[in-house]
Amino acid sequence: MQKTNFFLFLFALALASCQKKTPDSLPHPVATEPDEVLFNSTITLTSRGTLTSQIKADKILRYAGLEPMFLYQINALFYDSTGSVQARVTADSGSAIERTRYVELRGNVQVFYSNGTEIAADSLKWDQPNDRVTTEGFVKITKKDASILTGRGLTTDPRFTSYRLKNPVGEVHVPKEEPK
């Protein structure tokens, strides 16, 4: 009898060990739909009570617990410490990581500086903590005197006070038309 009970015990143990175990907790599903969708929104940023920028977007998507947030049809104004507009930026889309203060703009990116300089690029990356704007793609810089610089790759500060065009293609001087 003991021998039979022992074999039944081993048989039950073997059956129990073959069962599929379920995890204590299921993994969280990957978010496919945003938790927040904002339309025709304006984000106003300040630093110590001073307005630094206003970012308008036709659509903003946010996912709970995830970064980045995604913006579409962007039109932004950036202000200097006196409250004057320093630059206006437009782009088809972009993404922003609030925690690291990193912004990437994509598609028809245009930057219009108050000093008359304009930048056109396929994409721009803004690394706020390092005070740097970069792109590896094509860029066109139009200066106030109407000269045009083109090339691939750009590194500059956000105010465009100093810049480096990595692979310049050339410079074109466009004469201004005299008023008639």
C-alpha atoms as a PDB file:
ATOM      1  CA  MET A   1       0.000   0.000   0.000  1.00  0.00           C
ATOM      2  CA  GLN A   2       2.796   2.401   0.835  1.00  0.00           C
ATOM      3  CA  LYS A   3       4.432   1.598  -2.475  1.00  0.00           C
ATOM      4  CA  THR A   4       1.195   2.447  -4.337  1.00  0.00           C
ATOM      5  CA  ASN A   5       0.759   5.697  -2.417  1.00  0.00           C
ATOM      6  CA  PHE A   6       4.350   6.621  -3.187  1.00  0.00           C
ATOM      7  CA  PHE A   7       3.810   6.072  -6.942  1.00  0.00           C
ATOM      8  CA  LEU A   8       0.533   8.034  -6.837  1.00  0.00           C
ATOM      9  CA  PHE A   9       2.374  10.863  -5.091  1.00  0.00           C
ATOM     10  CA  LEU A  10       5.117  10.851  -7.759  1.00  0.00           C
ATOM     11  CA  PHE A  11       2.499  10.725 -10.531  1.00  0.00           C
ATOM     12  CA  ALA A  12       0.604  13.695  -9.023  1.00  0.00           C
ATOM     13  CA  LEU A  13       3.866  15.587  -8.589  1.00  0.00           C
ATOM     14  CA  ALA A  14       4.801  14.945 -12.231  1.00  0.00           C
ATOM     15  CA  LEU A  15       1.389  16.168 -13.401  1.00  0.00           C
ATOM     16  CA  ALA A  16       1.619  19.287 -11.258  1.00  0.00           C
ATOM     17  CA  SER A  17       5.063  20.145 -12.579  1.00  0.00           C
ATOM     18  CA  CYS A  18       3.842  19.925 -16.196  1.00  0.00           C
ATOM     19  CA  GLN A  19       1.140  22.522 -15.725  1.00  0.00           C
ATOM     20  CA  LYS A  20       1.580  25.894 -17.360  1.00  0.00           C
ATOM     21  CA  LYS A  21       2.282  28.533 -14.756  1.00  0.00           C
ATOM     22  CA  THR A  22       0.633  31.918 -15.007  1.00  0.00           C
ATOM     23  CA  PRO A  23       2.688  34.971 -14.127  1.00  0.00           C
ATOM     24  CA  ASP A  24       1.922  36.844 -10.937  1.00  0.00           C
ATOM     25  CA  SER A  25       1.207  39.970 -12.979  1.00  0.00           C
ATOM     26  CA  LEU A  26       0.637  40.481 -16.654  1.00  0.00           C
ATOM     27  CA  PRO A  27       2.916  42.844 -18.567  1.00  0.00           C
ATOM     28  CA  HIS A  28       1.437  46.239 -19.320  1.00  0.00           C
ATOM     29  CA  PRO A  29       0.220  46.492 -22.897  1.00  0.00           C
ATOM     30  CA  VAL A  30       1.966  48.987 -25.143  1.00  0.00           C
ATOM     31  CA  ALA A  31      -0.182  52.092 -25.554  1.00  0.00           C
ATOM     32  CA  THR A  32      -1.478  52.323 -29.090  1.00  0.00           C
ATOM     33  CA  GLU A  33      -3.970  55.089 -28.470  1.00  0.00           C
ATOM     34  CA  PRO A  34      -3.088  58.371 -26.759  1.00  0.00           C
ATOM     35  CA  ASP A  35      -4.481  59.135 -23.327  1.00  0.00           C
ATOM     36  CA  GLU A  36      -4.797  62.828 -24.172  1.00  0.00           C
ATOM     37  CA  VAL A  37      -5.546  64.480 -27.496  1.00  0.00           C
ATOM     38  CA  LEU A  38      -5.548  68.273 -27.591  1.00  0.00           C
ATOM     39  CA  PHE A  39      -6.713  70.318 -30.557  1.00  0.00           C
ATOM     40  CA  ASN A  40      -5.795  73.942 -31.360  1.00  0.00           C
ATOM     41  CA  SER A  41      -3.764  74.257 -28.174  1.00  0.00           C
ATOM     42  CA  THR A  42      -1.239  76.758 -26.861  1.00  0.00           C
ATOM     43  CA  ILE A  43       1.545  75.845 -24.449  1.00  0.00           C
ATOM     44  CA  THR A  44       2.972  78.850 -22.591  1.00  0.00           C
ATOM     45  CA  LEU A  45       6.371  78.442 -20.936  1.00  0.00           C
ATOM     46  CA  THR A  46       7.890  80.806 -18.387  1.00  0.00           C
ATOM     47  CA  SER A  47      11.100  81.003 -16.411  1.00  0.00           C
ATOM     48  CA  ARG A  48      10.830  82.667 -13.010  1.00  0.00           C
ATOM     49  CA  GLY A  49       7.672  84.432 -14.112  1.00  0.00           C
ATOM     50  CA  THR A  50       9.078  85.683 -17.430  1.00  0.00           C
ATOM     51  CA  LEU A  51       7.514  84.472 -20.667  1.00  0.00           C
ATOM     52  CA  THR A  52      10.043  82.397 -22.648  1.00  0.00           C
ATOM     53  CA  SER A  53       7.906  80.795 -25.347  1.00  0.00           C
ATOM     54  CA  GLN A  54       4.439  80.119 -26.678  1.00  0.00           C
ATOM     55  CA  ILE A  55       3.936  76.969 -28.704  1.00  0.00           C
ATOM     56  CA  LYS A  56       0.755  76.543 -30.716  1.00  0.00           C
ATOM     57  CA  ALA A  57      -0.162  73.223 -32.280  1.00  0.00           C
ATOM     58  CA  ASP A  58      -3.170  72.040 -34.230  1.00  0.00           C
ATOM     59  CA  LYS A  59      -2.931  68.689 -32.440  1.00  0.00           C
ATOM     60  CA  ILE A  60      -0.990  67.315 -29.446  1.00  0.00           C
ATOM     61  CA  LEU A  61      -0.872  63.631 -28.454  1.00  0.00           C
ATOM     62  CA  ARG A  62       0.204  62.473 -24.983  1.00  0.00           C
ATOM     63  CA  TYR A  63       0.531  58.923 -23.716  1.00  0.00           C
ATOM     64  CA  ALA A  64       0.225  58.263 -19.962  1.00  0.00           C
ATOM     65  CA  GLY A  65       3.588  57.543 -18.400  1.00  0.00           C
ATOM     66  CA  LEU A  66       5.388  57.742 -21.727  1.00  0.00           C
ATOM     67  CA  GLU A  67       7.439  60.393 -23.417  1.00  0.00           C
ATOM     68  CA  PRO A  68       7.659  62.115 -25.819  1.00  0.00           C
ATOM     69  CA  MET A  69       4.508  64.041 -26.568  1.00  0.00           C
ATOM     70  CA  PHE A  70       3.788  64.581 -30.259  1.00  0.00           C
ATOM     71  CA  LEU A  71       2.781  67.904 -31.822  1.00  0.00           C
ATOM     72  CA  TYR A  72       1.396  68.612 -35.287  1.00  0.00           C
ATOM     73  CA  GLN A  73       1.341  71.860 -37.308  1.00  0.00           C
ATOM     74  CA  ILE A  74       3.559  73.785 -34.928  1.00  0.00           C
ATOM     75  CA  ASN A  75       3.861  77.568 -34.743  1.00  0.00           C
ATOM     76  CA  ALA A  76       6.022  78.819 -31.868  1.00  0.00           C
ATOM     77  CA  LEU A  77       7.297  82.157 -30.598  1.00  0.00           C
ATOM     78  CA  PHE A  78      10.434  82.460 -28.458  1.00  0.00           C
ATOM     79  CA  TYR A  79      11.052  85.555 -26.344  1.00  0.00           C
ATOM     80  CA  ASP A  80      14.197  87.170 -24.955  1.00  0.00           C
ATOM     81  CA  SER A  81      14.557  88.411 -21.369  1.00  0.00           C
ATOM     82  CA  THR A  82      12.947  91.765 -22.273  1.00  0.00           C
ATOM     83  CA  GLY A  83       9.811  90.082 -23.647  1.00  0.00           C
ATOM     84  CA  SER A  84      10.618  90.803 -27.297  1.00  0.00           C
ATOM     85  CA  VAL A  85      10.132  88.050 -29.872  1.00  0.00           C
ATOM     86  CA  GLN A  86      13.534  86.528 -30.574  1.00  0.00           C
ATOM     87  CA  ALA A  87      12.412  83.884 -33.084  1.00  0.00           C
ATOM     88  CA  ARG A  88       9.363  82.366 -34.750  1.00  0.00           C
ATOM     89  CA  VAL A  89       9.431  78.665 -35.603  1.00  0.00           C
ATOM     90  CA  THR A  90       7.092  76.619 -37.779  1.00  0.00           C
ATOM     91  CA  ALA A  91       7.142  72.879 -38.522  1.00  0.00           C
ATOM     92  CA  ASP A  92       4.838  70.151 -39.767  1.00  0.00           C
ATOM     93  CA  SER A  93       5.385  68.022 -36.665  1.00  0.00           C
ATOM     94  CA  GLY A  94       7.583  67.498 -33.669  1.00  0.00           C
ATOM     95  CA  SER A  95       8.150  65.651 -30.444  1.00  0.00           C
ATOM     96  CA  ALA A  96       9.149  66.898 -27.013  1.00  0.00           C
ATOM     97  CA  ILE A  97      10.516  65.139 -23.953  1.00  0.00           C
ATOM     98  CA  GLU A  98       9.676  67.330 -20.969  1.00  0.00           C
ATOM     99  CA  ARG A  99      11.949  65.519 -18.506  1.00  0.00           C
ATOM    100  CA  THR A 100      15.115  66.059 -20.595  1.00  0.00           C
ATOM    101  CA  ARG A 101      13.913  69.258 -22.334  1.00  0.00           C
ATOM    102  CA  TYR A 102      14.734  67.812 -25.739  1.00  0.00           C
ATOM    103  CA  VAL A 103      12.704  68.850 -28.805  1.00  0.00           C
ATOM    104  CA  GLU A 104      12.807  67.503 -32.343  1.00  0.00           C
ATOM    105  CA  LEU A 105      11.033  69.271 -35.218  1.00  0.00           C
ATOM    106  CA  ARG A 106      10.333  67.575 -38.563  1.00  0.00           C
ATOM    107  CA  GLY A 107       9.000  68.569 -41.951  1.00  0.00           C
ATOM    108  CA  ASN A 108       9.301  72.042 -43.472  1.00  0.00           C
ATOM    109  CA  VAL A 109      11.049  73.492 -40.434  1.00  0.00           C
ATOM    110  CA  GLN A 110      11.375  77.281 -40.697  1.00  0.00           C
ATOM    111  CA  VAL A 111      13.050  79.560 -38.158  1.00  0.00           C
ATOM    112  CA  PHE A 112      12.688  83.340 -38.507  1.00  0.00           C
ATOM    113  CA  TYR A 113      15.009  85.311 -36.210  1.00  0.00           C
ATOM    114  CA  SER A 114      14.324  88.911 -35.212  1.00  0.00           C
ATOM    115  CA  ASN A 115      17.696  89.942 -36.712  1.00  0.00           C
ATOM    116  CA  GLY A 116      16.441  88.968 -40.183  1.00  0.00           C
ATOM    117  CA  THR A 117      18.163  85.590 -40.470  1.00  0.00           C
ATOM    118  CA  GLU A 118      16.041  82.654 -41.635  1.00  0.00           C
ATOM    119  CA  ILE A 119      16.741  78.923 -41.448  1.00  0.00           C
ATOM    120  CA  ALA A 120      14.963  76.281 -43.519  1.00  0.00           C
ATOM    121  CA  ALA A 121      15.592  72.595 -42.770  1.00  0.00           C
ATOM    122  CA  ASP A 122      13.990  69.182 -43.049  1.00  0.00           C
ATOM    123  CA  SER A 123      14.469  68.686 -39.308  1.00  0.00           C
ATOM    124  CA  LEU A 124      16.001  70.400 -36.278  1.00  0.00           C
ATOM    125  CA  LYS A 125      16.867  69.035 -32.839  1.00  0.00           C
ATOM    126  CA  TRP A 126      16.914  71.379 -29.859  1.00  0.00           C
ATOM    127  CA  ASP A 127      18.893  70.218 -26.829  1.00  0.00           C
ATOM    128  CA  GLN A 128      17.860  72.848 -24.264  1.00  0.00           C
ATOM    129  CA  PRO A 129      20.174  71.837 -21.375  1.00  0.00           C
ATOM    130  CA  ASN A 130      23.201  72.105 -23.688  1.00  0.00           C
ATOM    131  CA  ASP A 131      21.850  75.253 -25.411  1.00  0.00           C
ATOM    132  CA  ARG A 132      22.316  73.684 -28.837  1.00  0.00           C
ATOM    133  CA  VAL A 133      20.287  73.300 -32.053  1.00  0.00           C
ATOM    134  CA  THR A 134      21.463  70.713 -34.590  1.00  0.00           C
ATOM    135  CA  THR A 135      20.548  68.956 -37.800  1.00  0.00           C
ATOM    136  CA  GLU A 136      22.371  66.410 -39.922  1.00  0.00           C
ATOM    137  CA  GLY A 137      20.123  67.051 -42.921  1.00  0.00           C
ATOM    138  CA  PHE A 138      19.955  69.743 -45.566  1.00  0.00           C
ATOM    139  CA  VAL A 139      19.803  73.317 -44.299  1.00  0.00           C
ATOM    140  CA  LYS A 140      19.421  76.698 -45.986  1.00  0.00           C
ATOM    141  CA  ILE A 141      20.391  79.879 -44.143  1.00  0.00           C
ATOM    142  CA  THR A 142      19.222  83.217 -45.528  1.00  0.00           C
ATOM    143  CA  LYS A 143      20.935  86.177 -43.914  1.00  0.00           C
ATOM    144  CA  LYS A 144      19.618  89.705 -43.520  1.00  0.00           C
ATOM    145  CA  ASP A 145      21.859  90.899 -46.391  1.00  0.00           C
ATOM    146  CA  ALA A 146      20.078  88.327 -48.628  1.00  0.00           C
ATOM    147  CA  SER A 147      23.110  86.030 -48.892  1.00  0.00           C
ATOM    148  CA  ILE A 148      22.187  82.348 -48.834  1.00  0.00           C
ATOM    149  CA  LEU A 149      24.246  79.533 -47.313  1.00  0.00           C
ATOM    150  CA  THR A 150      23.349  75.896 -47.969  1.00  0.00           C
ATOM    151  CA  GLY A 151      24.758  72.616 -46.783  1.00  0.00           C
ATOM    152  CA  ARG A 152      24.273  69.455 -44.786  1.00  0.00           C
ATOM    153  CA  GLY A 153      24.520  69.576 -41.032  1.00  0.00           C
ATOM    154  CA  LEU A 154      24.287  72.553 -38.707  1.00  0.00           C
ATOM    155  CA  THR A 155      25.194  73.240 -35.096  1.00  0.00           C
ATOM    156  CA  THR A 156      24.169  76.537 -33.499  1.00  0.00           C
ATOM    157  CA  ASP A 157      22.911  78.062 -30.297  1.00  0.00           C
ATOM    158  CA  PRO A 158      19.152  78.777 -30.179  1.00  0.00           C
ATOM    159  CA  ARG A 159      19.746  82.519 -30.673  1.00  0.00           C
ATOM    160  CA  PHE A 160      21.894  81.859 -33.777  1.00  0.00           C
ATOM    161  CA  THR A 161      24.706  84.057 -32.472  1.00  0.00           C
ATOM    162  CA  SER A 162      27.305  81.495 -33.559  1.00  0.00           C
ATOM    163  CA  TYR A 163      26.888  78.564 -35.895  1.00  0.00           C
ATOM    164  CA  ARG A 164      28.799  75.917 -37.808  1.00  0.00           C
ATOM    165  CA  LEU A 165      27.609  74.641 -41.183  1.00  0.00           C
ATOM    166  CA  LYS A 166      29.187  71.178 -41.350  1.00  0.00           C
ATOM    167  CA  ASN A 167      29.226  70.475 -45.098  1.00  0.00           C
ATOM    168  CA  PRO A 168      28.647  73.779 -46.888  1.00  0.00           C
ATOM    169  CA  VAL A 169      27.598  73.604 -50.518  1.00  0.00           C
ATOM    170  CA  GLY A 170      28.022  77.266 -51.323  1.00  0.00           C
ATOM    171  CA  GLU A 171      27.087  80.850 -50.689  1.00  0.00           C
ATOM    172  CA  VAL A 172      24.909  82.874 -53.006  1.00  0.00           C
ATOM    173  CA  HIS A 173      24.566  86.642 -52.844  1.00  0.00           C
ATOM    174  CA  VAL A 174      21.177  87.841 -53.973  1.00  0.00           C
ATOM    175  CA  PRO A 175      21.166  91.575 -54.671  1.00  0.00           C
ATOM    176  CA  LYS A 176      18.305  93.477 -53.128  1.00  0.00           C
ATOM    177  CA  GLU A 177      16.036  95.228 -55.542  1.00  0.00           C
ATOM    178  CA  GLU A 178      16.037  98.979 -55.314  1.00  0.00           C
ATOM    179  CA  PRO A 179      12.598 100.519 -54.783  1.00  0.00           C
ATOM    180  CA  LYS A 180      11.223 102.035 -57.970  1.00  0.00           C
END
